[in-house]
Every structure is written in structure tokens, then in C-alpha cells.
Amino acid sequence: MMRNHTVTTFLLQGLTDDPQLKVVLLIFLCLTYMLSVTGNLTIISLTIVDPQLKTAMYYFLQNFSFLEISFTSACIPRYLYNLSTGDNTITYNNCAIQIFFTDLFGVTEFFLLATMSYDRYVAICKPLHYVTIMNSRVCRRLVLCCWAAGLLIILPPLALGLNLEFCDSNVIDHFGCDAYPLLKISCSETWLIEQIVIVCAVLTFVMTLVCVVLSYIYIIKTILQFPSAKQKKKAFSTCSSHMIVISITYGSCIFIYVKPSSKDSMAVNKGVSVLTTSIAPMLNPFIYTLRNKQVKQAFSNTVKRISLLLRQ
């Protein structure tokens, strides 16, 4: 897959050399990973099983949960293996595969969050036309477009990255394969690929953020025109979960990429990366479940059905 005669394996530096801290990290990441997979699988199952959750909003949520499982699975299990065995090596090809999937799932997630904002805009600003505008065919096409956009954004830098050469160092200053630490240790000329990575990241961030911000400007303007406080509260509550998830996703992204990459901030970035790849996917199912009456109702109905089946 990759033509490279210089380095065939990399060493992942990880987050710490302290053996006790490694044990704490292993337990913590193992728990968060299991919780995020279980939580997101629960949401996927509920949206498939419960007839009440057959609207566009829950179709997007189902796809978002799938992306969250995929994103955290692309890097956390590998790091758990490194922590438990002490084997920090990763082959050149496996490193490329990890970068491809983490970036694909990450970028697609941004486009899906923007699509979910548009869905909330239609639901609140055009409620009478919601079912016709957001029909199942449109929803499927929108999700497909999110994946296509993700793929188109990551392919140019990745294609250029396959020709990089590594001569002096094979130590990646990260817990997983990431573009910037990898570019740092390459002995090839990396200026062009660095610029393309920045352009692709900014393009994804700005395009999706503009869509999110515009949707919410119209949503807030519409909600403020509602006559009763009860109507306003109900409308805001349908968006609150999505707004929290957006704040976490964009907030952590700004934190990682806007700060200057000094030696200290690299350590902070690694810490934030662990949080975005382990805690954020775990929190999202809880945010949507605890703040959504329909999901809570669907969950209790499913639990009742399962307990009835078990009794029989």
C-alpha cells in the first residue's frame, strides 16, 4: 500500500511513561470505551425498534451514534492494546489506515452535525412542511452526502502523505497516528501537505460551522416570535441536546487547532485528543437520552418489553 524503504514501523510515545498512570489510563479508557459503545448501540437499537423514533431527527441521531462508535473504535482499542501489552510499535500501513479512518469519521461527523442543525431548522421554522421536506429519501441522500464530503476532504492530503519518507526518527509524539506528529518526523518536504491539511481542516470547520450558526440564528429568531413561554421552552428543549453536542465538538476542535503548537501545548493537545476520542462519544448518548422525553420513553418501553419476554 505504501512505498517506503526507510521506516517500516513507528513507535507511539503515548501519553505517559509512568507505570501507575498507565494502569489508571487503561482502566479509565476501557470504561469510557465500553460505555460509549454500549450507549451508542442502545440509541441505534432504540431508533430501529421503536416506531415513535422513526422521524428524520432520530435517523440522523442513529447515523451519528454509528459514527461515534466508529470514531472511538478507530483509535482507542489500539491504544488500550499498547497500554496493556507495552508494545508501542505500529506498522507503516496500519498507521496510514488509522489516520484514514479517524479522519474520515471525524470529518463526516462535522458534516452530519451541520445536517442535524438544518433538520432542527426545518422542524422549528417550517413545521407544517417538515414531513415533506425531510422525507426518508432526502434523509438518506443527506447522510450519503456527509460521507462523500468526508471522503473528498481527506483524500487529497492522504494521497500526498503516502509519498512521505521517514529517515532519522520513527517516534510519533502521540498515543495514536495523527497527521501533525507524523509530518514533524518526516524528512520529506512537508510544506505543501501541511498547507493542504490546514485548508481541508479550515474548509470542513468553516463550512459546517456557517451552516450550524445560520440554522440556529433562524431557529432562535423563530422561537422568540412564539406567543407563549411554554411553546418557547418546548422548542428550545428539542434543540438543547444538539446544541450541547455541537459545543463539545467544536469547542474541543478550536482548543486543539487554534492554540500555537509549542512543546507544552502538544502535551495538552494529546490530553484533549484523548477526551474527544473517548469521553465525547460516551457523553453524547447520555446527553440525548437524559434531555429527550421520546428517547427516555422508548428506552423504558423497550426495557418493559424485554422484562416481559424474560418472564415468559
C-alpha atoms as a PDB file:
ATOM      1  CA  MET A   1       0.000   0.000   0.000  1.00  0.00           C
ATOM      2  CA  MET A   2       2.828   2.420   0.869  1.00  0.00           C
ATOM      3  CA  ARG A   3       6.165   2.664  -0.919  1.00  0.00           C
ATOM      4  CA  ASN A   4       8.674   3.341   1.834  1.00  0.00           C
ATOM      5  CA  HIS A   5      12.109   1.789   2.135  1.00  0.00           C
ATOM      6  CA  THR A   6      13.238   3.844   5.106  1.00  0.00           C
ATOM      7  CA  VAL A   7      10.943   3.162   8.076  1.00  0.00           C
ATOM      8  CA  THR A   8       8.603   0.180   8.286  1.00  0.00           C
ATOM      9  CA  THR A   9       7.390   0.618  11.872  1.00  0.00           C
ATOM     10  CA  PHE A  10       6.710   3.573  14.147  1.00  0.00           C
ATOM     11  CA  LEU A  11       6.910   3.918  17.920  1.00  0.00           C
ATOM     12  CA  LEU A  12       3.934   5.630  19.550  1.00  0.00           C
ATOM     13  CA  GLN A  13       5.123   7.713  22.503  1.00  0.00           C
ATOM     14  CA  GLY A  14       1.720   7.594  24.218  1.00  0.00           C
ATOM     15  CA  LEU A  15       0.630   9.925  26.995  1.00  0.00           C
ATOM     16  CA  THR A  16       2.906   8.930  29.871  1.00  0.00           C
ATOM     17  CA  ASP A  17       5.843   6.740  30.887  1.00  0.00           C
ATOM     18  CA  ASP A  18       4.617   6.391  34.477  1.00  0.00           C
ATOM     19  CA  PRO A  19       3.555   2.709  35.010  1.00  0.00           C
ATOM     20  CA  GLN A  20       0.954   3.609  37.666  1.00  0.00           C
ATOM     21  CA  LEU A  21      -0.564   6.308  35.470  1.00  0.00           C
ATOM     22  CA  LYS A  22      -0.686   3.806  32.609  1.00  0.00           C
ATOM     23  CA  VAL A  23      -2.819   1.459  34.749  1.00  0.00           C
ATOM     24  CA  VAL A  24      -5.180   4.338  35.628  1.00  0.00           C
ATOM     25  CA  LEU A  25      -5.401   5.309  31.933  1.00  0.00           C
ATOM     26  CA  LEU A  26      -6.058   1.703  30.911  1.00  0.00           C
ATOM     27  CA  ILE A  27      -8.961   1.316  33.378  1.00  0.00           C
ATOM     28  CA  PHE A  28     -10.376   4.776  32.565  1.00  0.00           C
ATOM     29  CA  LEU A  29     -10.237   4.323  28.769  1.00  0.00           C
ATOM     30  CA  CYS A  30     -11.556   0.776  28.984  1.00  0.00           C
ATOM     31  CA  LEU A  31     -14.608   2.001  30.953  1.00  0.00           C
ATOM     32  CA  THR A  32     -15.275   5.028  28.722  1.00  0.00           C
ATOM     33  CA  TYR A  33     -14.888   2.908  25.577  1.00  0.00           C
ATOM     34  CA  MET A  34     -17.338   0.242  26.813  1.00  0.00           C
ATOM     35  CA  LEU A  35     -19.809   2.921  27.918  1.00  0.00           C
ATOM     36  CA  SER A  36     -19.622   4.814  24.618  1.00  0.00           C
ATOM     37  CA  VAL A  37     -20.118   1.652  22.544  1.00  0.00           C
ATOM     38  CA  THR A  38     -22.966   0.437  24.795  1.00  0.00           C
ATOM     39  CA  GLY A  39     -24.632   3.871  24.931  1.00  0.00           C
ATOM     40  CA  ASN A  40     -24.453   4.496  21.197  1.00  0.00           C
ATOM     41  CA  LEU A  41     -25.566   0.942  20.371  1.00  0.00           C
ATOM     42  CA  THR A  42     -28.564   1.480  22.671  1.00  0.00           C
ATOM     43  CA  ILE A  43     -29.539   4.611  20.724  1.00  0.00           C
ATOM     44  CA  ILE A  44     -29.123   2.791  17.376  1.00  0.00           C
ATOM     45  CA  SER A  45     -31.266  -0.128  18.649  1.00  0.00           C
ATOM     46  CA  LEU A  46     -33.981   2.191  20.012  1.00  0.00           C
ATOM     47  CA  THR A  47     -34.233   4.159  16.743  1.00  0.00           C
ATOM     48  CA  ILE A  48     -34.602   0.891  14.816  1.00  0.00           C
ATOM     49  CA  VAL A  49     -37.031  -0.850  17.198  1.00  0.00           C
ATOM     50  CA  ASP A  50     -39.308   1.945  18.465  1.00  0.00           C
ATOM     51  CA  PRO A  51     -41.975   3.178  15.987  1.00  0.00           C
ATOM     52  CA  GLN A  52     -42.086   6.591  17.737  1.00  0.00           C
ATOM     53  CA  LEU A  53     -38.462   7.251  16.777  1.00  0.00           C
ATOM     54  CA  LYS A  54     -38.931   6.991  13.017  1.00  0.00           C
ATOM     55  CA  THR A  55     -38.586  10.704  12.234  1.00  0.00           C
ATOM     56  CA  ALA A  56     -35.682  12.366  10.383  1.00  0.00           C
ATOM     57  CA  MET A  57     -34.191  13.657  13.666  1.00  0.00           C
ATOM     58  CA  TYR A  58     -33.733  10.124  15.014  1.00  0.00           C
ATOM     59  CA  TYR A  59     -32.500   8.804  11.669  1.00  0.00           C
ATOM     60  CA  PHE A  60     -29.657  11.347  11.840  1.00  0.00           C
ATOM     61  CA  LEU A  61     -29.090  10.526  15.508  1.00  0.00           C
ATOM     62  CA  GLN A  62     -28.821   6.831  14.597  1.00  0.00           C
ATOM     63  CA  ASN A  63     -26.155   7.659  11.988  1.00  0.00           C
ATOM     64  CA  PHE A  64     -24.388   9.994  14.421  1.00  0.00           C
ATOM     65  CA  SER A  65     -24.218   7.204  17.040  1.00  0.00           C
ATOM     66  CA  PHE A  66     -22.783   4.846  14.414  1.00  0.00           C
ATOM     67  CA  LEU A  67     -20.117   7.460  13.582  1.00  0.00           C
ATOM     68  CA  GLU A  68     -19.292   7.902  17.277  1.00  0.00           C
ATOM     69  CA  ILE A  69     -18.724   4.137  17.713  1.00  0.00           C
ATOM     70  CA  SER A  70     -16.597   4.052  14.551  1.00  0.00           C
ATOM     71  CA  PHE A  71     -14.550   7.128  15.521  1.00  0.00           C
ATOM     72  CA  THR A  72     -13.688   5.920  19.030  1.00  0.00           C
ATOM     73  CA  SER A  73     -13.040   2.368  17.722  1.00  0.00           C
ATOM     74  CA  ALA A  74     -10.553   3.676  15.158  1.00  0.00           C
ATOM     75  CA  CYS A  75      -8.051   4.738  17.832  1.00  0.00           C
ATOM     76  CA  ILE A  76      -8.948   3.734  21.422  1.00  0.00           C
ATOM     77  CA  PRO A  77      -8.729  -0.128  21.142  1.00  0.00           C
ATOM     78  CA  ARG A  78      -5.262   0.226  19.595  1.00  0.00           C
ATOM     79  CA  TYR A  79      -4.119   2.456  22.473  1.00  0.00           C
ATOM     80  CA  LEU A  80      -5.650   0.042  25.015  1.00  0.00           C
ATOM     81  CA  TYR A  81      -3.604  -2.739  23.399  1.00  0.00           C
ATOM     82  CA  ASN A  82      -0.444  -0.587  23.657  1.00  0.00           C
ATOM     83  CA  LEU A  83      -1.125   0.172  27.339  1.00  0.00           C
ATOM     84  CA  SER A  84      -1.875  -3.437  28.290  1.00  0.00           C
ATOM     85  CA  THR A  85       0.996  -5.119  26.401  1.00  0.00           C
ATOM     86  CA  GLY A  86       3.636  -2.379  26.478  1.00  0.00           C
ATOM     87  CA  ASP A  87       4.051  -2.872  22.720  1.00  0.00           C
ATOM     88  CA  ASN A  88       4.147   0.675  21.300  1.00  0.00           C
ATOM     89  CA  THR A  89       5.012  -0.262  17.725  1.00  0.00           C
ATOM     90  CA  ILE A  90       2.681   0.251  14.783  1.00  0.00           C
ATOM     91  CA  THR A  91       3.422  -0.672  11.171  1.00  0.00           C
ATOM     92  CA  TYR A  92       3.592   1.951   8.444  1.00  0.00           C
ATOM     93  CA  ASN A  93       0.456   0.649   6.712  1.00  0.00           C
ATOM     94  CA  ASN A  94      -1.563   0.314   9.947  1.00  0.00           C
ATOM     95  CA  CYS A  95      -0.643   3.904  10.765  1.00  0.00           C
ATOM     96  CA  ALA A  96      -1.986   5.086   7.389  1.00  0.00           C
ATOM     97  CA  ILE A  97      -5.180   3.044   7.864  1.00  0.00           C
ATOM     98  CA  GLN A  98      -5.708   4.551  11.341  1.00  0.00           C
ATOM     99  CA  ILE A  99      -5.262   8.109  10.032  1.00  0.00           C
ATOM    100  CA  PHE A 100      -7.647   7.395   7.127  1.00  0.00           C
ATOM    101  CA  PHE A 101     -10.462   6.090   9.339  1.00  0.00           C
ATOM    102  CA  THR A 102     -10.137   8.554  12.243  1.00  0.00           C
ATOM    103  CA  ASP A 103     -10.098  11.483   9.804  1.00  0.00           C
ATOM    104  CA  LEU A 104     -12.940  10.087   7.678  1.00  0.00           C
ATOM    105  CA  PHE A 105     -15.208   9.511  10.705  1.00  0.00           C
ATOM    106  CA  GLY A 106     -14.211  12.816  12.300  1.00  0.00           C
ATOM    107  CA  VAL A 107     -14.828  14.949   9.186  1.00  0.00           C
ATOM    108  CA  THR A 108     -18.082  13.115   8.332  1.00  0.00           C
ATOM    109  CA  GLU A 109     -19.284  13.816  11.883  1.00  0.00           C
ATOM    110  CA  PHE A 110     -18.903  17.580  11.353  1.00  0.00           C
ATOM    111  CA  PHE A 111     -20.989  17.439   8.175  1.00  0.00           C
ATOM    112  CA  LEU A 112     -23.612  15.307   9.934  1.00  0.00           C
ATOM    113  CA  LEU A 113     -23.823  17.819  12.813  1.00  0.00           C
ATOM    114  CA  ALA A 114     -24.454  20.553  10.227  1.00  0.00           C
ATOM    115  CA  THR A 115     -27.159  18.386   8.610  1.00  0.00           C
ATOM    116  CA  MET A 116     -28.763  17.841  12.032  1.00  0.00           C
ATOM    117  CA  SER A 117     -28.821  21.650  12.529  1.00  0.00           C
ATOM    118  CA  TYR A 118     -30.644  22.012   9.214  1.00  0.00           C
ATOM    119  CA  ASP A 119     -33.113  19.334  10.349  1.00  0.00           C
ATOM    120  CA  ARG A 120     -33.829  21.322  13.555  1.00  0.00           C
ATOM    121  CA  TYR A 121     -34.229  24.491  11.444  1.00  0.00           C
ATOM    122  CA  VAL A 122     -36.884  22.815   9.237  1.00  0.00           C
ATOM    123  CA  ALA A 123     -38.653  21.326  12.298  1.00  0.00           C
ATOM    124  CA  ILE A 124     -38.974  24.691  14.080  1.00  0.00           C
ATOM    125  CA  CYS A 125     -39.152  27.225  11.235  1.00  0.00           C
ATOM    126  CA  LYS A 126     -41.220  25.167   8.768  1.00  0.00           C
ATOM    127  CA  PRO A 127     -43.161  22.717  10.997  1.00  0.00           C
ATOM    128  CA  LEU A 128     -46.084  22.226   8.574  1.00  0.00           C
ATOM    129  CA  HIS A 129     -43.739  21.153   5.750  1.00  0.00           C
ATOM    130  CA  TYR A 130     -41.320  19.152   7.933  1.00  0.00           C
ATOM    131  CA  VAL A 131     -42.539  15.687   6.914  1.00  0.00           C
ATOM    132  CA  THR A 132     -42.485  16.509   3.190  1.00  0.00           C
ATOM    133  CA  ILE A 133     -39.124  18.342   3.221  1.00  0.00           C
ATOM    134  CA  MET A 134     -37.312  15.817   5.451  1.00  0.00           C
ATOM    135  CA  ASN A 135     -38.705  12.644   3.884  1.00  0.00           C
ATOM    136  CA  SER A 136     -36.757   9.375   4.082  1.00  0.00           C
ATOM    137  CA  ARG A 137     -35.241   9.752   0.591  1.00  0.00           C
ATOM    138  CA  VAL A 138     -33.901  13.225   1.385  1.00  0.00           C
ATOM    139  CA  CYS A 139     -32.505  11.995   4.725  1.00  0.00           C
ATOM    140  CA  ARG A 140     -30.678   9.090   3.086  1.00  0.00           C
ATOM    141  CA  ARG A 141     -29.216  11.426   0.450  1.00  0.00           C
ATOM    142  CA  LEU A 142     -28.080  13.932   3.085  1.00  0.00           C
ATOM    143  CA  VAL A 143     -26.277  11.205   5.073  1.00  0.00           C
ATOM    144  CA  LEU A 144     -24.670   9.919   1.874  1.00  0.00           C
ATOM    145  CA  CYS A 145     -23.513  13.478   1.071  1.00  0.00           C
ATOM    146  CA  CYS A 146     -21.926  13.755   4.544  1.00  0.00           C
ATOM    147  CA  TRP A 147     -19.870  10.594   3.903  1.00  0.00           C
ATOM    148  CA  ALA A 148     -18.951  11.739   0.371  1.00  0.00           C
ATOM    149  CA  ALA A 149     -17.857  15.161   1.690  1.00  0.00           C
ATOM    150  CA  GLY A 150     -15.751  13.459   4.376  1.00  0.00           C
ATOM    151  CA  LEU A 151     -14.064  11.266   1.784  1.00  0.00           C
ATOM    152  CA  LEU A 152     -13.417  14.139  -0.661  1.00  0.00           C
ATOM    153  CA  ILE A 153     -11.888  16.303   2.078  1.00  0.00           C
ATOM    154  CA  ILE A 154      -9.438  13.699   3.422  1.00  0.00           C
ATOM    155  CA  LEU A 155      -8.318  12.088   0.135  1.00  0.00           C
ATOM    156  CA  PRO A 156      -6.023  14.899  -1.218  1.00  0.00           C
ATOM    157  CA  PRO A 157      -3.794  15.219   1.917  1.00  0.00           C
ATOM    158  CA  LEU A 158      -3.793  11.446   2.412  1.00  0.00           C
ATOM    159  CA  ALA A 159      -2.739  10.777  -1.199  1.00  0.00           C
ATOM    160  CA  LEU A 160       0.191  13.193  -0.786  1.00  0.00           C
ATOM    161  CA  GLY A 161       1.019  11.718   2.620  1.00  0.00           C
ATOM    162  CA  LEU A 162       1.588   8.257   1.134  1.00  0.00           C
ATOM    163  CA  ASN A 163       4.765   9.541  -0.551  1.00  0.00           C
ATOM    164  CA  LEU A 164       6.370  10.880   2.647  1.00  0.00           C
ATOM    165  CA  GLU A 165       9.771   9.496   3.637  1.00  0.00           C
ATOM    166  CA  PHE A 166      10.994   8.872   7.194  1.00  0.00           C
ATOM    167  CA  CYS A 167      14.752   8.588   7.725  1.00  0.00           C
ATOM    168  CA  ASP A 168      16.002   9.849  11.100  1.00  0.00           C
ATOM    169  CA  SER A 169      13.163   9.301  13.563  1.00  0.00           C
ATOM    170  CA  ASN A 170      10.301   6.840  13.841  1.00  0.00           C
ATOM    171  CA  VAL A 171       8.928   8.073  17.205  1.00  0.00           C
ATOM    172  CA  ILE A 172       5.427   9.625  16.935  1.00  0.00           C
ATOM    173  CA  ASP A 173       4.727  12.043  19.806  1.00  0.00           C
ATOM    174  CA  HIS A 174       1.128  10.907  20.253  1.00  0.00           C
ATOM    175  CA  PHE A 175      -0.952   7.968  21.538  1.00  0.00           C
ATOM    176  CA  GLY A 176      -2.172   7.202  18.013  1.00  0.00           C
ATOM    177  CA  CYS A 177      -1.257   8.004  14.428  1.00  0.00           C
ATOM    178  CA  ASP A 178      -2.061  11.654  13.796  1.00  0.00           C
ATOM    179  CA  ALA A 179      -1.180  13.849  10.800  1.00  0.00           C
ATOM    180  CA  TYR A 180       0.779  16.623  12.562  1.00  0.00           C
ATOM    181  CA  PRO A 181       3.133  14.486  14.736  1.00  0.00           C
ATOM    182  CA  LEU A 182       3.764  12.335  11.640  1.00  0.00           C
ATOM    183  CA  LEU A 183       4.630  15.360   9.455  1.00  0.00           C
ATOM    184  CA  LYS A 184       7.026  16.576  12.181  1.00  0.00           C
ATOM    185  CA  ILE A 185       9.249  13.491  11.897  1.00  0.00           C
ATOM    186  CA  SER A 186       9.235  13.189   8.101  1.00  0.00           C
ATOM    187  CA  CYS A 187      12.437  14.000   6.214  1.00  0.00           C
ATOM    188  CA  SER A 188      10.462  14.888   3.054  1.00  0.00           C
ATOM    189  CA  GLU A 189       9.422  18.433   2.183  1.00  0.00           C
ATOM    190  CA  THR A 190       6.110  18.778   4.085  1.00  0.00           C
ATOM    191  CA  TRP A 191       5.169  22.438   3.384  1.00  0.00           C
ATOM    192  CA  LEU A 192       2.611  21.658   0.641  1.00  0.00           C
ATOM    193  CA  ILE A 193       0.915  18.823   2.527  1.00  0.00           C
ATOM    194  CA  GLU A 194       0.795  20.947   5.730  1.00  0.00           C
ATOM    195  CA  GLN A 195      -0.966  23.737   3.800  1.00  0.00           C
ATOM    196  CA  ILE A 196      -3.425  21.252   2.253  1.00  0.00           C
ATOM    197  CA  VAL A 197      -4.169  19.738   5.701  1.00  0.00           C
ATOM    198  CA  ILE A 198      -4.830  23.257   7.075  1.00  0.00           C
ATOM    199  CA  VAL A 199      -7.054  24.176   4.090  1.00  0.00           C
ATOM    200  CA  CYS A 200      -9.053  20.924   4.402  1.00  0.00           C
ATOM    201  CA  ALA A 201      -9.459  21.346   8.186  1.00  0.00           C
ATOM    202  CA  VAL A 202     -10.486  25.019   7.893  1.00  0.00           C
ATOM    203  CA  LEU A 203     -12.831  24.239   4.989  1.00  0.00           C
ATOM    204  CA  THR A 204     -14.595  21.499   6.986  1.00  0.00           C
ATOM    205  CA  PHE A 205     -14.756  23.622  10.116  1.00  0.00           C
ATOM    206  CA  VAL A 206     -15.956  26.857   8.476  1.00  0.00           C
ATOM    207  CA  MET A 207     -18.448  25.249   6.064  1.00  0.00           C
ATOM    208  CA  THR A 208     -20.155  23.212   8.768  1.00  0.00           C
ATOM    209  CA  LEU A 209     -19.989  25.997  11.377  1.00  0.00           C
ATOM    210  CA  VAL A 210     -21.608  28.516   8.988  1.00  0.00           C
ATOM    211  CA  CYS A 211     -24.431  26.014   8.385  1.00  0.00           C
ATOM    212  CA  VAL A 212     -24.855  25.436  12.147  1.00  0.00           C
ATOM    213  CA  VAL A 213     -24.764  29.151  13.038  1.00  0.00           C
ATOM    214  CA  LEU A 214     -27.191  30.179  10.250  1.00  0.00           C
ATOM    215  CA  SER A 215     -29.623  27.411  11.233  1.00  0.00           C
ATOM    216  CA  TYR A 216     -29.575  28.487  14.871  1.00  0.00           C
ATOM    217  CA  ILE A 217     -29.937  32.200  14.057  1.00  0.00           C
ATOM    218  CA  TYR A 218     -33.182  31.401  12.196  1.00  0.00           C
ATOM    219  CA  ILE A 219     -34.253  28.935  14.917  1.00  0.00           C
ATOM    220  CA  ILE A 220     -33.755  31.488  17.742  1.00  0.00           C
ATOM    221  CA  LYS A 221     -35.483  34.261  15.722  1.00  0.00           C
ATOM    222  CA  THR A 222     -38.480  31.956  15.116  1.00  0.00           C
ATOM    223  CA  ILE A 223     -38.663  30.754  18.747  1.00  0.00           C
ATOM    224  CA  LEU A 224     -38.593  34.343  20.087  1.00  0.00           C
ATOM    225  CA  GLN A 225     -41.696  35.100  17.988  1.00  0.00           C
ATOM    226  CA  PHE A 226     -43.709  32.324  19.687  1.00  0.00           C
ATOM    227  CA  PRO A 227     -46.531  33.793  21.780  1.00  0.00           C
ATOM    228  CA  SER A 228     -46.352  31.596  24.898  1.00  0.00           C
ATOM    229  CA  ALA A 229     -43.440  30.807  27.214  1.00  0.00           C
ATOM    230  CA  LYS A 230     -44.452  27.125  27.156  1.00  0.00           C
ATOM    231  CA  GLN A 231     -44.059  26.970  23.355  1.00  0.00           C
ATOM    232  CA  LYS A 232     -40.651  28.669  23.590  1.00  0.00           C
ATOM    233  CA  LYS A 233     -39.472  26.239  26.257  1.00  0.00           C
ATOM    234  CA  LYS A 234     -40.642  23.206  24.250  1.00  0.00           C
ATOM    235  CA  ALA A 235     -38.922  24.460  21.069  1.00  0.00           C
ATOM    236  CA  PHE A 236     -35.647  25.173  22.896  1.00  0.00           C
ATOM    237  CA  SER A 237     -35.713  21.752  24.565  1.00  0.00           C
ATOM    238  CA  THR A 238     -35.837  19.990  21.150  1.00  0.00           C
ATOM    239  CA  CYS A 239     -32.574  21.740  20.203  1.00  0.00           C
ATOM    240  CA  SER A 240     -30.766  21.708  23.560  1.00  0.00           C
ATOM    241  CA  SER A 241     -29.191  18.233  23.197  1.00  0.00           C
ATOM    242  CA  HIS A 242     -27.883  19.048  19.731  1.00  0.00           C
ATOM    243  CA  MET A 243     -26.530  22.422  20.917  1.00  0.00           C
ATOM    244  CA  ILE A 244     -24.601  20.769  23.787  1.00  0.00           C
ATOM    245  CA  VAL A 245     -23.063  18.167  21.432  1.00  0.00           C
ATOM    246  CA  ILE A 246     -22.099  20.926  18.949  1.00  0.00           C
ATOM    247  CA  SER A 247     -20.467  22.977  21.738  1.00  0.00           C
ATOM    248  CA  ILE A 248     -18.381  19.964  22.870  1.00  0.00           C
ATOM    249  CA  THR A 249     -17.323  19.019  19.319  1.00  0.00           C
ATOM    250  CA  TYR A 250     -16.451  22.483  18.023  1.00  0.00           C
ATOM    251  CA  GLY A 251     -15.052  23.648  21.371  1.00  0.00           C
ATOM    252  CA  SER A 252     -12.515  20.819  21.602  1.00  0.00           C
ATOM    253  CA  CYS A 253     -11.595  21.266  17.920  1.00  0.00           C
ATOM    254  CA  ILE A 254     -10.913  25.001  18.410  1.00  0.00           C
ATOM    255  CA  PHE A 255      -8.862  24.172  21.518  1.00  0.00           C
ATOM    256  CA  ILE A 256      -6.620  21.712  19.632  1.00  0.00           C
ATOM    257  CA  TYR A 257      -6.077  23.625  16.382  1.00  0.00           C
ATOM    258  CA  VAL A 258      -6.219  27.319  17.268  1.00  0.00           C
ATOM    259  CA  LYS A 259      -3.574  27.241  20.016  1.00  0.00           C
ATOM    260  CA  PRO A 260       0.088  27.614  18.930  1.00  0.00           C
ATOM    261  CA  SER A 261       1.794  24.227  18.903  1.00  0.00           C
ATOM    262  CA  SER A 262       4.562  24.725  21.457  1.00  0.00           C
ATOM    263  CA  LYS A 263       6.076  21.840  23.430  1.00  0.00           C
ATOM    264  CA  ASP A 264       3.643  22.306  26.347  1.00  0.00           C
ATOM    265  CA  SER A 265       0.575  22.649  24.148  1.00  0.00           C
ATOM    266  CA  MET A 266       1.490  19.377  22.374  1.00  0.00           C
ATOM    267  CA  ALA A 267       1.051  17.574  25.705  1.00  0.00           C
ATOM    268  CA  VAL A 268      -2.242  19.417  26.282  1.00  0.00           C
ATOM    269  CA  ASN A 269      -3.382  18.568  22.735  1.00  0.00           C
ATOM    270  CA  LYS A 270      -2.717  14.876  23.373  1.00  0.00           C
ATOM    271  CA  GLY A 271      -4.835  15.104  26.528  1.00  0.00           C
ATOM    272  CA  VAL A 272      -7.665  16.876  24.698  1.00  0.00           C
ATOM    273  CA  SER A 273      -7.437  14.297  21.874  1.00  0.00           C
ATOM    274  CA  VAL A 274      -7.964  11.504  24.431  1.00  0.00           C
ATOM    275  CA  LEU A 275     -11.039  13.322  25.750  1.00  0.00           C
ATOM    276  CA  THR A 276     -12.505  13.873  22.262  1.00  0.00           C
ATOM    277  CA  THR A 277     -11.920  10.257  21.243  1.00  0.00           C
ATOM    278  CA  SER A 278     -13.101   8.650  24.498  1.00  0.00           C
ATOM    279  CA  ILE A 279     -15.292  10.956  26.619  1.00  0.00           C
ATOM    280  CA  ALA A 280     -17.224  12.848  23.908  1.00  0.00           C
ATOM    281  CA  PRO A 281     -18.566   9.642  22.247  1.00  0.00           C
ATOM    282  CA  MET A 282     -19.548   8.382  25.711  1.00  0.00           C
ATOM    283  CA  LEU A 283     -21.342  11.609  26.702  1.00  0.00           C
ATOM    284  CA  ASN A 284     -23.450  12.027  23.562  1.00  0.00           C
ATOM    285  CA  PRO A 285     -25.873   9.108  24.210  1.00  0.00           C
ATOM    286  CA  PHE A 286     -26.401  10.380  27.769  1.00  0.00           C
ATOM    287  CA  ILE A 287     -26.979  13.961  26.560  1.00  0.00           C
ATOM    288  CA  TYR A 288     -29.590  12.796  24.041  1.00  0.00           C
ATOM    289  CA  THR A 289     -31.219  10.278  26.384  1.00  0.00           C
ATOM    290  CA  LEU A 290     -31.432  12.435  29.519  1.00  0.00           C
ATOM    291  CA  ARG A 291     -32.667  15.524  27.685  1.00  0.00           C
ATOM    292  CA  ASN A 292     -35.167  13.831  25.383  1.00  0.00           C
ATOM    293  CA  LYS A 293     -38.572  12.589  26.582  1.00  0.00           C
ATOM    294  CA  GLN A 294     -39.198  10.444  23.493  1.00  0.00           C
ATOM    295  CA  VAL A 295     -35.876   8.608  23.816  1.00  0.00           C
ATOM    296  CA  LYS A 296     -36.471   8.088  27.556  1.00  0.00           C
ATOM    297  CA  GLN A 297     -39.980   6.774  26.806  1.00  0.00           C
ATOM    298  CA  ALA A 298     -38.669   4.463  24.071  1.00  0.00           C
ATOM    299  CA  PHE A 299     -35.982   3.164  26.450  1.00  0.00           C
ATOM    300  CA  SER A 300     -38.477   2.380  29.257  1.00  0.00           C
ATOM    301  CA  ASN A 301     -40.876   0.725  26.747  1.00  0.00           C
ATOM    302  CA  THR A 302     -38.060  -1.489  25.422  1.00  0.00           C
ATOM    303  CA  VAL A 303     -36.958  -2.426  28.974  1.00  0.00           C
ATOM    304  CA  LYS A 304     -40.590  -3.374  29.798  1.00  0.00           C
ATOM    305  CA  ARG A 305     -40.851  -5.488  26.650  1.00  0.00           C
ATOM    306  CA  ILE A 306     -37.583  -7.307  27.416  1.00  0.00           C
ATOM    307  CA  SER A 307     -38.594  -7.979  31.044  1.00  0.00           C
ATOM    308  CA  LEU A 308     -41.975  -9.350  29.856  1.00  0.00           C
ATOM    309  CA  LEU A 309     -40.215 -11.678  27.394  1.00  0.00           C
ATOM    310  CA  LEU A 310     -37.833 -12.868  30.100  1.00  0.00           C
ATOM    311  CA  ARG A 311     -40.717 -13.657  32.452  1.00  0.00           C
ATOM    312  CA  GLN A 312     -42.366 -15.821  29.820  1.00  0.00           C
END
